[in-house]
Amino acid sequence: MLFGFSGKSAGENAAENTDGDAEGDAEGAICGVYFSALADLNDLEAGAATVATAAAATAPAPEVGSRKDAHLALSQNDFAAFLSRTASERAFRIPRWNKAFSPSVHGSAVTRRVLQREQLHTVCSSAVCPNRGECHAHGTATFLILGNSCTRNCRFCAIDHGRPEPPDPSEPQRLAQAARDLGLRHIVITSVTRDDLSDGGASHFAACIHEVRRVLPLATIEVLPSDLGGNMAALAVILKAGPDVFNHNIETVPRLYKTVQPSANYRRSLDVLHYAREHGQGCHVKSGMMVGLGETPSEVRQALADLKEAGCDMVTIGQYLRPTLEHLPVAEFVSPGRFEYYEKIGRELGLASVFAGPLVRSSYRAAEAVMAAAGK
């Protein structure tokens, strides 16, 4: 099996899983590190070589300041040893149903070339998304605007924390050009949090929406901004630009906010979603959350009810996966059966679209979610 990819559905993988399967344990441990390794590997062959080396490595891993520092500073053999240590310590042990699909190398390479040419960031790479290969193979990507450094430092997120550069006024044009060249029909635009900007980057979001709409008038546009510090005037700027979907993630249940994202506020995020419902000119309102951080099913149920009350019609729920050893550990790998339960609860509450599953992420299969919410 190449780098933990099974090529099977989550249900098929779950059906095969047994607690006593030693091979599955080993594969799960190695699979858990692929999300970070893949971010700096150019193709799957290199990935396979790295994992093969990692499995055989016996040298102790060097101490490093961060996983990204390790990527840059270590030789391939040293990095393989680092991966081997994390596997042997079972820090990233992942069940079979959490394995991603095998991507098309050609489709992924085309997407990567376009993004590199236009000097664009994607949350797919910056946040080490497990669906990166699959989405790239289908010619889709979630554009990350306003730089690649975040002013907040949430304990679940792989995006760099630091002092960001000023917004690039050419970015909306480059983003629209990339979307056209990739033949996208549904464009997702998200950003790092920019608490350093008076409007949180809202005017830049609006510029991106306008430019994509000019270049691709038939495409649907989904935006995923931060809470903008609760600045509703800034939020109005984004909504006035006319996105088809307004997405803002609550990320977790309120009890875990101080642990998971101490700079955020659960009620403030609900207020942002409610404002989008009231002033969004008919756009869909969407949110998402992670599970496996220590929440209870009853807390997830209440969060879904809160989202429905705030005006959401679309929700995503996915398994939290630890990006690096510096981030919060996984408290639990949620079973496929419980994800099905969460989908059932969401539908019972009246949500038009609920995608819940181990590899579901906020913008995963986003175009399908729009069609489901529209009843198509």
Protein backbone atom coordinates (compact mmCIF):
# COMPACT_ATOMS: atom_id res chain seq x y z
CA MET A 1 0.00 0.00 0.00
CA LEU A 2 1.51 3.29 -1.11
CA PHE A 3 1.98 5.78 1.72
CA GLY A 4 -1.21 4.80 3.50
CA PHE A 5 -3.46 5.29 0.45
CA SER A 6 -5.96 2.47 0.10
CA GLY A 7 -7.98 3.61 -2.91
CA LYS A 8 -11.09 2.32 -1.12
CA SER A 9 -14.03 4.09 0.40
CA ALA A 10 -14.13 4.93 4.10
CA GLY A 11 -16.83 2.29 4.56
CA GLU A 12 -14.77 -0.42 2.87
CA ASN A 13 -11.75 0.46 4.96
CA ALA A 14 -13.85 0.46 8.14
CA ALA A 15 -15.28 -2.97 7.32
CA GLU A 16 -11.76 -4.38 7.04
CA ASN A 17 -10.53 -2.86 10.30
CA THR A 18 -9.91 -5.19 13.26
CA ASP A 19 -8.44 -4.30 16.63
CA GLY A 20 -5.97 -7.14 16.49
CA ASP A 21 -4.64 -6.46 13.01
CA ALA A 22 -0.91 -5.91 13.50
CA GLU A 23 -0.41 -4.94 9.88
CA GLY A 24 -3.14 -2.34 10.24
CA ASP A 25 -1.44 -0.95 13.34
CA ALA A 26 1.83 -0.52 11.48
CA GLU A 27 0.16 0.97 8.43
CA GLY A 28 -1.85 3.32 10.61
CA ALA A 29 1.25 4.57 12.38
CA ILE A 30 3.09 5.25 9.13
CA CYS A 31 -0.05 6.68 7.53
CA GLY A 32 -0.30 9.24 10.28
CA VAL A 33 2.89 11.02 9.31
CA TYR A 34 2.13 11.23 5.60
CA PHE A 35 0.07 14.39 5.93
CA SER A 36 3.14 16.36 7.01
CA ALA A 37 5.59 14.55 4.76
CA LEU A 38 3.47 15.02 1.65
CA ALA A 39 3.52 18.79 2.04
CA ASP A 40 7.12 18.95 0.93
CA LEU A 41 7.34 15.99 -1.44
CA ASN A 42 6.96 16.58 -5.14
CA ASP A 43 5.36 13.27 -6.07
CA LEU A 44 4.12 9.99 -4.69
CA GLU A 45 7.26 8.09 -5.68
CA ALA A 46 9.30 10.35 -3.43
CA GLY A 47 6.68 9.80 -0.75
CA ALA A 48 6.95 6.04 -1.06
CA ALA A 49 10.75 6.24 -0.83
CA THR A 50 10.53 8.37 2.29
CA VAL A 51 8.12 5.99 4.00
CA ALA A 52 10.21 2.98 3.04
CA THR A 53 13.29 4.64 4.50
CA ALA A 54 11.34 5.70 7.58
CA ALA A 55 10.18 2.17 8.26
CA ALA A 56 13.76 0.89 8.18
CA ALA A 57 15.42 3.78 9.99
CA THR A 58 16.96 3.05 13.38
CA ALA A 59 18.94 6.21 14.12
CA PRO A 60 17.53 8.50 16.84
CA ALA A 61 15.75 11.57 15.55
CA PRO A 62 17.41 14.96 15.99
CA GLU A 63 15.73 17.62 18.06
CA VAL A 64 14.06 20.24 15.89
CA GLY A 65 12.21 23.43 16.61
CA SER A 66 9.22 22.60 14.42
CA ARG A 67 8.11 20.16 11.75
CA LYS A 68 8.59 22.81 9.06
CA ASP A 69 12.12 23.47 10.34
CA ALA A 70 12.72 19.74 10.07
CA HIS A 71 11.59 19.73 6.45
CA LEU A 72 14.18 22.36 5.61
CA ALA A 73 17.06 21.38 7.84
CA LEU A 74 17.23 17.59 7.82
CA SER A 75 18.64 15.30 5.20
CA GLN A 76 16.30 12.68 3.76
CA ASN A 77 17.73 9.97 6.01
CA ASP A 78 17.50 12.11 9.13
CA PHE A 79 13.96 13.14 8.30
CA ALA A 80 13.08 9.49 7.70
CA ALA A 81 14.42 8.70 11.17
CA PHE A 82 12.29 11.50 12.59
CA LEU A 83 9.23 10.00 10.92
CA SER A 84 10.17 6.56 12.20
CA ARG A 85 10.35 7.83 15.76
CA THR A 86 6.91 9.38 15.60
CA ALA A 87 5.55 6.14 14.18
CA SER A 88 7.19 3.97 16.84
CA GLU A 89 5.82 6.21 19.56
CA ARG A 90 2.38 5.75 17.94
CA ALA A 91 1.81 9.50 18.16
CA PHE A 92 0.01 9.51 14.82
CA ARG A 93 -1.70 6.13 14.90
CA ILE A 94 -4.67 6.32 12.56
CA PRO A 95 -7.31 3.67 11.79
CA ARG A 96 -7.81 2.45 8.25
CA TRP A 97 -10.93 4.49 7.62
CA ASN A 98 -8.86 7.67 7.94
CA LYS A 99 -6.74 6.93 4.88
CA ALA A 100 -7.01 9.14 1.84
CA PHE A 101 -7.65 8.05 -1.73
CA SER A 102 -4.84 7.57 -4.21
CA PRO A 103 -4.58 10.74 -6.28
CA SER A 104 -3.87 11.20 -9.96
CA VAL A 105 -0.27 12.31 -10.22
CA HIS A 106 -0.96 14.10 -13.53
CA GLY A 107 -3.94 16.09 -12.25
CA SER A 108 -2.11 17.01 -9.08
CA ALA A 109 0.96 18.17 -11.04
CA VAL A 110 -1.12 20.38 -13.34
CA THR A 111 -2.82 22.06 -10.39
CA ARG A 112 0.51 22.55 -8.64
CA ARG A 113 2.11 24.13 -11.72
CA VAL A 114 -0.71 26.65 -12.12
CA LEU A 115 -0.57 27.62 -8.45
CA GLN A 116 3.20 28.00 -8.55
CA ARG A 117 3.06 30.10 -11.72
CA GLU A 118 0.56 32.50 -10.19
CA GLN A 119 2.43 32.48 -6.85
CA LEU A 120 -0.67 31.51 -4.93
CA HIS A 121 -1.06 29.75 -1.61
CA THR A 122 -3.63 27.06 -0.96
CA VAL A 123 -4.98 25.94 2.37
CA CYS A 124 -4.58 22.42 0.95
CA SER A 125 -0.80 22.70 1.35
CA SER A 126 -0.50 25.23 4.16
CA ALA A 127 -2.84 23.33 6.47
CA VAL A 128 -1.54 19.89 5.35
CA CYS A 129 -5.00 18.71 4.26
CA PRO A 130 -5.38 14.91 3.87
CA ASN A 131 -7.53 15.40 0.75
CA ARG A 132 -4.94 17.46 -1.08
CA GLY A 133 -4.09 14.78 -3.63
CA GLU A 134 -7.69 13.90 -4.41
CA CYS A 135 -8.79 17.51 -4.82
CA HIS A 136 -5.78 18.42 -6.98
CA ALA A 137 -6.46 15.39 -9.14
CA HIS A 138 -9.94 16.78 -9.79
CA GLY A 139 -8.56 20.23 -10.61
CA THR A 140 -9.83 21.87 -7.44
CA ALA A 141 -8.11 23.85 -4.73
CA THR A 142 -9.02 26.17 -1.88
CA PHE A 143 -7.17 29.43 -2.37
CA LEU A 144 -5.52 30.96 0.70
CA ILE A 145 -5.37 34.74 0.35
CA LEU A 146 -3.78 37.51 2.41
CA GLY A 147 -0.49 35.69 2.83
CA ASN A 148 0.63 32.51 4.50
CA SER A 149 1.20 33.73 8.07
CA CYS A 150 -1.62 34.01 10.59
CA THR A 151 -1.92 36.54 13.40
CA ARG A 152 -3.50 33.87 15.61
CA ASN A 153 -1.95 30.63 16.76
CA CYS A 154 -4.73 28.06 17.11
CA ARG A 155 -3.49 24.80 18.56
CA PHE A 156 -5.02 22.61 15.85
CA CYS A 157 -3.82 24.48 12.76
CA ALA A 158 -0.69 23.84 10.68
CA ILE A 159 -0.59 27.32 9.12
CA ASP A 160 2.36 29.43 10.25
CA HIS A 161 1.89 32.00 12.99
CA GLY A 162 3.73 35.27 12.50
CA ARG A 163 3.68 38.83 11.27
CA PRO A 164 2.09 38.78 7.80
CA GLU A 165 3.00 40.94 4.83
CA PRO A 166 0.66 43.70 3.60
CA PRO A 167 -2.08 42.48 1.23
CA ASP A 168 -0.90 42.06 -2.38
CA PRO A 169 -3.17 44.13 -4.67
CA SER A 170 -2.38 41.82 -7.61
CA GLU A 171 -3.59 38.71 -5.82
CA PRO A 172 -7.26 38.94 -6.93
CA GLN A 173 -6.20 38.99 -10.61
CA ARG A 174 -3.76 36.11 -10.17
CA LEU A 175 -6.36 34.07 -8.30
CA ALA A 176 -8.97 34.58 -11.01
CA GLN A 177 -6.44 33.66 -13.71
CA ALA A 178 -5.55 30.43 -11.89
CA ALA A 179 -9.22 29.55 -11.41
CA ARG A 180 -9.82 30.03 -15.14
CA ASP A 181 -6.77 28.03 -16.17
CA LEU A 182 -7.80 25.17 -13.87
CA GLY A 183 -11.30 25.19 -15.32
CA LEU A 184 -12.92 25.57 -11.91
CA ARG A 185 -16.68 25.78 -11.61
CA HIS A 186 -16.72 26.26 -7.83
CA ILE A 187 -14.03 28.46 -6.29
CA VAL A 188 -13.32 28.41 -2.56
CA ILE A 189 -11.44 31.38 -1.09
CA THR A 190 -10.22 31.39 2.49
CA SER A 191 -7.55 33.34 4.34
CA VAL A 192 -5.32 33.47 7.33
CA THR A 193 -6.70 35.58 10.17
CA ARG A 194 -5.54 39.18 9.77
CA ASP A 195 -6.18 40.87 13.11
CA ASP A 196 -3.53 43.41 12.05
CA LEU A 197 -5.87 44.87 9.40
CA SER A 198 -8.66 47.23 10.40
CA ASP A 199 -11.21 45.31 8.33
CA GLY A 200 -9.66 41.89 8.87
CA GLY A 201 -9.03 41.62 5.12
CA ALA A 202 -12.69 42.03 4.13
CA SER A 203 -11.98 44.47 1.28
CA HIS A 204 -9.43 42.03 -0.15
CA PHE A 205 -12.00 39.23 -0.05
CA ALA A 206 -14.44 41.49 -1.89
CA ALA A 207 -11.84 42.30 -4.55
CA CYS A 208 -11.22 38.58 -5.11
CA ILE A 209 -14.94 37.88 -5.44
CA HIS A 210 -15.40 40.70 -7.96
CA GLU A 211 -12.42 39.60 -10.07
CA VAL A 212 -13.40 35.93 -10.14
CA ARG A 213 -16.95 36.94 -11.04
CA ARG A 214 -15.60 39.05 -13.92
CA VAL A 215 -13.41 36.26 -15.30
CA LEU A 216 -15.73 33.32 -14.54
CA PRO A 217 -19.28 34.69 -14.45
CA LEU A 218 -20.89 31.24 -14.33
CA ALA A 219 -18.76 29.86 -11.49
CA THR A 220 -20.00 29.68 -7.92
CA ILE A 221 -17.88 31.33 -5.25
CA GLU A 222 -17.50 30.23 -1.64
CA VAL A 223 -15.68 32.38 0.91
CA LEU A 224 -14.36 31.25 4.26
CA PRO A 225 -13.16 34.28 6.25
CA SER A 226 -12.18 34.54 9.91
CA ASP A 227 -14.57 36.01 12.47
CA LEU A 228 -13.13 39.44 11.51
CA GLY A 229 -12.94 40.22 15.21
CA GLY A 230 -16.72 40.56 15.24
CA ASN A 231 -16.57 43.58 12.91
CA MET A 232 -19.97 43.37 11.23
CA ALA A 233 -19.31 46.41 9.02
CA ALA A 234 -16.33 44.53 7.55
CA LEU A 235 -18.46 41.42 7.16
CA ALA A 236 -21.02 43.48 5.23
CA VAL A 237 -18.31 44.37 2.69
CA ILE A 238 -17.78 40.68 1.91
CA LEU A 239 -21.49 39.93 1.72
CA LYS A 240 -22.15 42.91 -0.55
CA ALA A 241 -19.68 41.43 -3.07
CA GLY A 242 -22.15 38.57 -3.53
CA PRO A 243 -20.57 35.20 -2.68
CA ASP A 244 -22.74 32.17 -3.35
CA VAL A 245 -21.67 30.52 -0.10
CA PHE A 246 -20.56 32.21 3.12
CA ASN A 247 -18.60 29.77 5.26
CA HIS A 248 -17.24 30.37 8.73
CA ASN A 249 -16.16 27.46 10.91
CA ILE A 250 -16.93 27.16 14.60
CA GLU A 251 -14.20 24.44 14.63
CA THR A 252 -15.20 22.80 17.95
CA VAL A 253 -17.71 22.78 20.79
CA PRO A 254 -17.75 25.78 23.18
CA ARG A 255 -16.24 23.88 26.12
CA LEU A 256 -13.01 23.28 24.18
CA TYR A 257 -12.49 26.79 22.79
CA LYS A 258 -9.91 27.87 25.37
CA THR A 259 -7.87 24.77 24.61
CA VAL A 260 -8.30 24.58 20.84
CA GLN A 261 -8.51 28.21 19.71
CA PRO A 262 -8.13 30.59 22.66
CA SER A 263 -8.23 33.73 20.49
CA ALA A 264 -11.67 32.87 19.11
CA ASN A 265 -15.13 33.06 20.65
CA TYR A 266 -17.97 30.61 20.06
CA ARG A 267 -20.75 33.16 20.45
CA ARG A 268 -18.96 35.62 18.17
CA SER A 269 -18.72 32.99 15.43
CA LEU A 270 -22.44 32.25 15.75
CA ASP A 271 -23.15 35.98 15.51
CA VAL A 272 -21.09 36.15 12.30
CA LEU A 273 -23.09 33.29 10.80
CA HIS A 274 -26.39 34.85 11.87
CA TYR A 275 -25.41 38.18 10.31
CA ALA A 276 -24.54 36.39 7.07
CA ARG A 277 -27.97 34.75 7.04
CA GLU A 278 -29.73 38.07 7.64
CA HIS A 279 -27.67 40.19 5.23
CA GLY A 280 -26.20 37.70 2.74
CA GLN A 281 -28.52 38.41 -0.18
CA GLY A 282 -29.71 34.83 -0.31
CA CYS A 283 -26.32 33.12 -0.16
CA HIS A 284 -25.94 29.74 1.52
CA VAL A 285 -24.52 29.89 5.05
CA LYS A 286 -22.11 27.14 6.01
CA SER A 287 -19.98 26.12 8.97
CA GLY A 288 -17.78 23.24 10.00
CA MET A 289 -16.21 21.59 12.98
CA MET A 290 -13.66 18.96 13.93
CA VAL A 291 -14.28 15.99 16.18
CA GLY A 292 -11.82 13.81 18.04
CA LEU A 293 -10.66 16.61 20.35
CA GLY A 294 -12.50 15.38 23.44
CA GLU A 295 -16.02 16.55 22.70
CA THR A 296 -19.06 14.41 23.51
CA PRO A 297 -21.86 13.42 21.10
CA SER A 298 -24.32 15.51 23.09
CA GLU A 299 -22.05 18.55 22.70
CA VAL A 300 -21.87 17.99 18.94
CA ARG A 301 -25.65 17.70 18.82
CA GLN A 302 -26.01 21.01 20.66
CA ALA A 303 -23.47 22.67 18.35
CA LEU A 304 -25.48 21.50 15.33
CA ALA A 305 -28.63 22.93 16.91
CA ASP A 306 -26.80 26.22 17.53
CA LEU A 307 -25.68 26.35 13.89
CA LYS A 308 -29.20 25.70 12.66
CA GLU A 309 -30.53 28.47 14.92
CA ALA A 310 -27.83 30.84 13.65
CA GLY A 311 -29.06 30.30 10.09
CA CYS A 312 -26.71 27.68 8.67
CA ASP A 313 -28.01 25.36 6.00
CA MET A 314 -24.72 23.54 5.33
CA VAL A 315 -22.38 21.87 7.85
CA THR A 316 -19.22 19.77 7.58
CA ILE A 317 -17.83 17.54 10.33
CA GLY A 318 -14.44 15.84 10.06
CA GLN A 319 -11.85 14.02 12.12
CA TYR A 320 -9.16 16.18 13.70
CA LEU A 321 -5.70 14.98 12.68
CA ARG A 322 -2.64 16.28 14.48
CA PRO A 323 -0.49 18.17 11.91
CA THR A 324 2.74 18.01 13.94
CA LEU A 325 3.95 17.00 17.39
CA GLU A 326 3.65 20.65 18.40
CA HIS A 327 -0.13 20.61 18.00
CA LEU A 328 -2.92 19.21 20.15
CA PRO A 329 -2.94 15.41 20.31
CA VAL A 330 -5.90 13.48 18.96
CA ALA A 331 -8.19 12.52 21.84
CA GLU A 332 -10.19 9.99 19.83
CA PHE A 333 -10.54 8.59 16.33
CA VAL A 334 -14.27 8.82 15.74
CA SER A 335 -15.88 5.78 14.13
CA PRO A 336 -17.70 5.94 10.78
CA GLY A 337 -20.87 4.94 12.61
CA ARG A 338 -20.77 8.02 14.79
CA PHE A 339 -20.19 10.24 11.77
CA GLU A 340 -23.34 8.72 10.26
CA TYR A 341 -25.13 9.52 13.52
CA TYR A 342 -24.03 13.16 13.29
CA GLU A 343 -25.32 13.36 9.71
CA LYS A 344 -28.64 11.91 10.87
CA ILE A 345 -28.91 14.44 13.70
CA GLY A 346 -28.14 17.30 11.32
CA ARG A 347 -30.85 16.21 8.92
CA GLU A 348 -33.33 15.84 11.77
CA LEU A 349 -32.55 19.41 12.83
CA GLY A 350 -33.41 20.60 9.33
CA LEU A 351 -29.95 21.29 7.89
CA ALA A 352 -30.07 21.06 4.09
CA SER A 353 -26.57 19.59 3.68
CA VAL A 354 -24.53 17.71 6.28
CA PHE A 355 -21.23 16.10 5.24
CA ALA A 356 -19.69 14.12 8.10
CA GLY A 357 -16.82 11.66 7.78
CA PRO A 358 -13.23 10.99 8.83
CA LEU A 359 -11.67 12.88 5.90
CA VAL A 360 -14.32 15.57 5.49
CA ARG A 361 -12.90 19.08 5.61
CA SER A 362 -14.57 22.46 5.33
CA SER A 363 -14.21 22.77 1.56
CA TYR A 364 -14.06 19.06 0.67
CA ARG A 365 -16.53 18.33 -2.15
CA ALA A 366 -17.77 21.87 -1.69
CA ALA A 367 -19.53 22.00 -5.05
CA GLU A 368 -21.53 18.88 -4.16
CA ALA A 369 -22.57 20.49 -0.88
CA VAL A 370 -23.90 23.53 -2.73
CA MET A 371 -25.96 21.33 -5.03
CA ALA A 372 -27.28 19.33 -2.08
CA ALA A 373 -28.28 22.49 -0.24
CA ALA A 374 -30.02 23.75 -3.37
CA GLY A 375 -31.88 20.45 -3.71
CA LYS A 376 -30.27 19.57 -7.04
